[in-house]
Amino acid sequence: MGKPFFWVSSITYAMKSRDLLFSHGIRAYVERTTHLREQRGCGYGVYVPKDADRAQEILTQAGIRILGRSDRDDVG
């Protein structure tokens, strides 16, 4: 099983997501992907090592649109 990675529409939303999750006690990291086959949004997303389901719920409730979710091992 890989590590959860959330695709967002811009680096700005990736940074907002990271900060919001940190404020809820969830570690999150902005990462750039070079994976061209499944490129979504700007090519940035948020890696969440633990509590990914809770993180997704927090982001959705905050109005941050998640374009997709994949395993970090798959994002290149």
Protein backbone atom coordinates (compact mmCIF):
# COMPACT_ATOMS: atom_id res chain seq x y z
CA MET A 1 0.00 0.00 0.00
CA GLY A 2 1.32 3.43 -0.97
CA LYS A 3 1.16 6.71 0.82
CA PRO A 4 -1.86 9.01 0.28
CA PHE A 5 -1.39 11.98 -2.03
CA PHE A 6 -4.14 14.53 -2.74
CA TRP A 7 -4.14 16.38 -6.07
CA VAL A 8 -5.27 20.01 -5.85
CA SER A 9 -5.75 22.72 -8.47
CA SER A 10 -2.80 24.99 -7.58
CA ILE A 11 0.28 25.29 -5.44
CA THR A 12 -1.63 27.92 -3.43
CA TYR A 13 -4.29 25.34 -2.53
CA ALA A 14 -1.57 22.81 -1.73
CA MET A 15 0.00 25.23 0.75
CA LYS A 16 -3.39 26.18 2.23
CA SER A 17 -4.20 22.48 2.60
CA ARG A 18 -0.90 21.79 4.34
CA ASP A 19 -1.40 24.68 6.77
CA LEU A 20 -5.00 23.72 7.51
CA LEU A 21 -4.10 20.10 8.18
CA PHE A 22 -1.18 21.11 10.42
CA SER A 23 -3.61 23.26 12.42
CA HIS A 24 -5.70 20.11 12.96
CA GLY A 25 -2.67 18.11 14.09
CA ILE A 26 -2.20 16.20 10.82
CA ARG A 27 1.21 16.20 9.18
CA ALA A 28 1.03 17.16 5.52
CA TYR A 29 3.64 18.09 2.94
CA VAL A 30 3.43 19.94 -0.37
CA GLU A 31 5.04 17.96 -3.15
CA ARG A 32 5.60 18.45 -6.85
CA THR A 33 4.96 15.60 -9.22
CA THR A 34 6.38 15.02 -12.65
CA HIS A 35 4.01 12.17 -13.42
CA LEU A 36 2.72 13.06 -16.88
CA ARG A 37 0.35 10.17 -17.52
CA GLU A 38 -2.13 11.20 -14.83
CA GLN A 39 -1.23 14.88 -14.48
CA ARG A 40 -4.00 16.74 -12.70
CA GLY A 41 -4.16 20.41 -11.84
CA CYS A 42 -0.88 22.24 -11.52
CA GLY A 43 1.27 19.22 -10.71
CA TYR A 44 1.35 19.93 -7.00
CA GLY A 45 -0.40 18.12 -4.24
CA VAL A 46 -0.35 17.24 -0.58
CA TYR A 47 1.22 14.11 0.85
CA VAL A 48 -0.45 12.97 4.08
CA PRO A 49 1.42 10.11 5.80
CA LYS A 50 -1.35 9.32 8.32
CA ASP A 51 -5.08 10.01 8.83
CA ALA A 52 -5.73 10.51 5.10
CA ASP A 53 -9.48 9.93 5.38
CA ARG A 54 -9.78 12.49 8.16
CA ALA A 55 -7.56 14.89 6.19
CA GLN A 56 -9.77 14.56 3.13
CA GLU A 57 -12.85 15.30 5.22
CA ILE A 58 -11.23 18.42 6.73
CA LEU A 59 -10.18 19.73 3.33
CA THR A 60 -13.59 19.09 1.79
CA GLN A 61 -15.38 20.82 4.67
CA ALA A 62 -13.04 23.81 4.25
CA GLY A 63 -14.04 24.10 0.60
CA ILE A 64 -10.76 22.87 -0.85
CA ARG A 65 -11.52 20.83 -3.93
CA ILE A 66 -9.55 17.62 -4.20
CA LEU A 67 -9.06 16.71 -7.85
CA GLY A 68 -7.97 13.19 -7.05
CA ARG A 69 -6.28 10.90 -4.60
CA SER A 70 -3.56 8.41 -5.33
CA ASP A 71 -0.68 6.64 -3.69
CA ARG A 72 2.49 8.67 -3.44
CA ASP A 73 4.40 5.76 -4.93
CA ASP A 74 2.33 6.30 -8.10
CA VAL A 75 2.78 10.06 -8.52
CA GLY A 76 6.42 10.03 -9.59
